[in-house]
Amino acid sequence: MQLARGARLVEMLKQAQYKPQTVEQQVVTIFAATNGFVDACEVGSLARFETELFSFMKDKHGALLAEIREKKQINDEIKAKLSSALDEFKGMFKGITHGEPPRESGSGSAA
C-alpha cells in the first residue's frame, strides 16, 4: 500500500513546465495523496484528477484555499474542511474505481 501511495504522490507532484502550482494547490495535492484520497485512482488518471480537483476547489472551496494560503499551516479545522471537500470531489470524479484500490503489478508484498 505504501508503494502504491508513493507512486501516486510522485505522479501528482509533477508540474507542467512554466506552470508552477500555488502553495495551496501543493498543500491540497499532498494532503489528498498522503491521506488516501487518491488510492482508488489509476495512476494514469491522476493528472486529470488533479486538474479537475483544482477547478473544483477554486469554484466551490475558494475560501478554504485562501485560508490555507493565509494561515500557512494546517490545523484540525482546515483538515476537517479539506477532508470534506475531497470526499465531495471524490464522489463526483469519474476516474475512481469503487471498492478495493487497484492492485500494483508485480509480485511480493508492498509492506
Protein backbone atom coordinates (compact mmCIF):
# COMPACT_ATOMS: atom_id res chain seq x y z
CA MET A 1 0.00 0.00 0.00
CA GLN A 2 2.81 2.43 0.82
CA LEU A 3 4.48 1.86 -2.54
CA ALA A 4 1.20 2.40 -4.38
CA ARG A 5 0.51 5.59 -2.44
CA GLY A 6 4.07 6.77 -3.09
CA ALA A 7 3.68 6.20 -6.83
CA ARG A 8 0.52 8.29 -6.80
CA LEU A 9 2.19 11.05 -4.80
CA VAL A 10 5.12 11.21 -7.24
CA GLU A 11 2.70 11.40 -10.17
CA MET A 12 0.66 14.17 -8.55
CA LEU A 13 3.72 16.24 -7.66
CA LYS A 14 4.76 16.53 -11.29
CA GLN A 15 4.21 20.07 -12.54
CA ALA A 16 3.98 21.37 -16.07
CA GLN A 17 6.92 23.44 -17.21
CA TYR A 18 6.31 27.18 -16.68
CA LYS A 19 3.07 26.41 -14.79
CA PRO A 20 4.05 26.09 -11.15
CA GLN A 21 1.35 25.21 -8.65
CA THR A 22 0.44 27.66 -5.93
CA VAL A 23 1.32 26.74 -2.36
CA GLU A 24 -2.32 26.00 -1.57
CA GLN A 25 -2.56 23.70 -4.62
CA GLN A 26 0.52 21.85 -3.46
CA VAL A 27 -0.97 21.51 0.04
CA VAL A 28 -4.20 20.07 -1.40
CA THR A 29 -2.23 17.70 -3.63
CA ILE A 30 -0.01 16.39 -0.84
CA PHE A 31 -2.91 16.14 1.62
CA ALA A 32 -5.03 14.20 -0.88
CA ALA A 33 -2.22 11.81 -1.79
CA THR A 34 -0.93 11.14 1.71
CA ASN A 35 -4.37 10.70 3.28
CA GLY A 36 -5.66 8.08 0.85
CA PHE A 37 -7.99 10.24 -1.25
CA VAL A 38 -6.36 9.06 -4.50
CA ASP A 39 -5.71 5.43 -3.55
CA ALA A 40 -8.60 4.24 -5.73
CA CYS A 41 -7.44 6.23 -8.78
CA GLU A 42 -5.44 4.65 -11.55
CA VAL A 43 -2.03 6.33 -11.81
CA GLY A 44 -2.81 7.25 -15.43
CA SER A 45 -5.87 9.27 -14.41
CA LEU A 46 -4.16 11.34 -11.71
CA ALA A 47 -3.28 14.29 -13.96
CA ARG A 48 -6.96 14.66 -14.87
CA PHE A 49 -7.94 14.13 -11.21
CA GLU A 50 -5.62 16.93 -10.16
CA THR A 51 -6.76 19.33 -12.88
CA GLU A 52 -10.42 18.75 -12.08
CA LEU A 53 -9.72 18.92 -8.34
CA PHE A 54 -8.09 22.34 -8.66
CA SER A 55 -11.05 23.66 -10.68
CA PHE A 56 -13.47 22.20 -8.14
CA MET A 57 -11.57 23.68 -5.20
CA LYS A 58 -11.36 27.09 -6.85
CA ASP A 59 -15.06 27.13 -7.77
CA LYS A 60 -16.58 25.54 -4.66
CA HIS A 61 -13.98 25.99 -1.91
CA GLY A 62 -12.10 29.17 -2.77
CA ALA A 63 -12.38 30.39 0.82
CA LEU A 64 -10.62 27.23 2.03
CA LEU A 65 -7.78 27.77 -0.45
CA ALA A 66 -7.46 31.35 0.78
CA GLU A 67 -7.42 30.14 4.38
CA ILE A 68 -4.61 27.68 3.60
CA ARG A 69 -2.66 30.43 1.82
CA GLU A 70 -3.12 32.96 4.63
CA LYS A 71 -2.63 30.73 7.70
CA LYS A 72 0.33 28.83 6.22
CA GLN A 73 -0.47 25.82 8.41
CA ILE A 74 -3.00 23.02 8.56
CA ASN A 75 -4.88 22.93 11.84
CA ASP A 76 -7.65 20.48 12.78
CA GLU A 77 -10.34 22.78 11.38
CA ILE A 78 -8.63 23.05 7.99
CA LYS A 79 -8.01 19.28 7.95
CA ALA A 80 -11.72 18.66 8.50
CA LYS A 81 -12.73 21.14 5.79
CA LEU A 82 -10.18 19.74 3.36
CA SER A 83 -11.24 16.15 4.03
CA SER A 84 -14.87 17.10 3.49
CA ALA A 85 -14.08 18.90 0.22
CA LEU A 86 -12.01 15.94 -1.02
CA ASP A 87 -14.77 13.48 -0.12
CA GLU A 88 -17.23 15.64 -2.05
CA PHE A 89 -14.92 15.76 -5.07
CA LYS A 90 -14.21 12.01 -4.97
CA GLY A 91 -17.94 11.38 -5.22
CA MET A 92 -18.06 13.42 -8.43
CA PHE A 93 -14.83 12.27 -10.11
CA LYS A 94 -15.36 9.58 -12.77
CA GLY A 95 -11.86 8.01 -12.70
CA ILE A 96 -12.13 6.28 -9.34
CA THR A 97 -12.62 2.57 -9.01
CA HIS A 98 -15.08 1.82 -6.25
CA GLY A 99 -14.22 -0.81 -3.69
CA GLU A 100 -10.66 -2.01 -3.46
CA PRO A 101 -7.83 0.26 -4.68
CA PRO A 102 -6.22 -1.02 -7.88
CA ARG A 103 -3.50 -3.59 -7.34
CA GLU A 104 0.03 -2.74 -8.37
CA SER A 105 1.60 -5.16 -10.83
CA GLY A 106 4.50 -7.27 -9.74
CA SER A 107 4.98 -9.86 -7.06
CA GLY A 108 5.80 -9.69 -3.42
CA SER A 109 4.47 -7.67 -0.57
CA ALA A 110 4.44 -3.86 -0.54
CA ALA A 111 4.58 -3.64 3.24
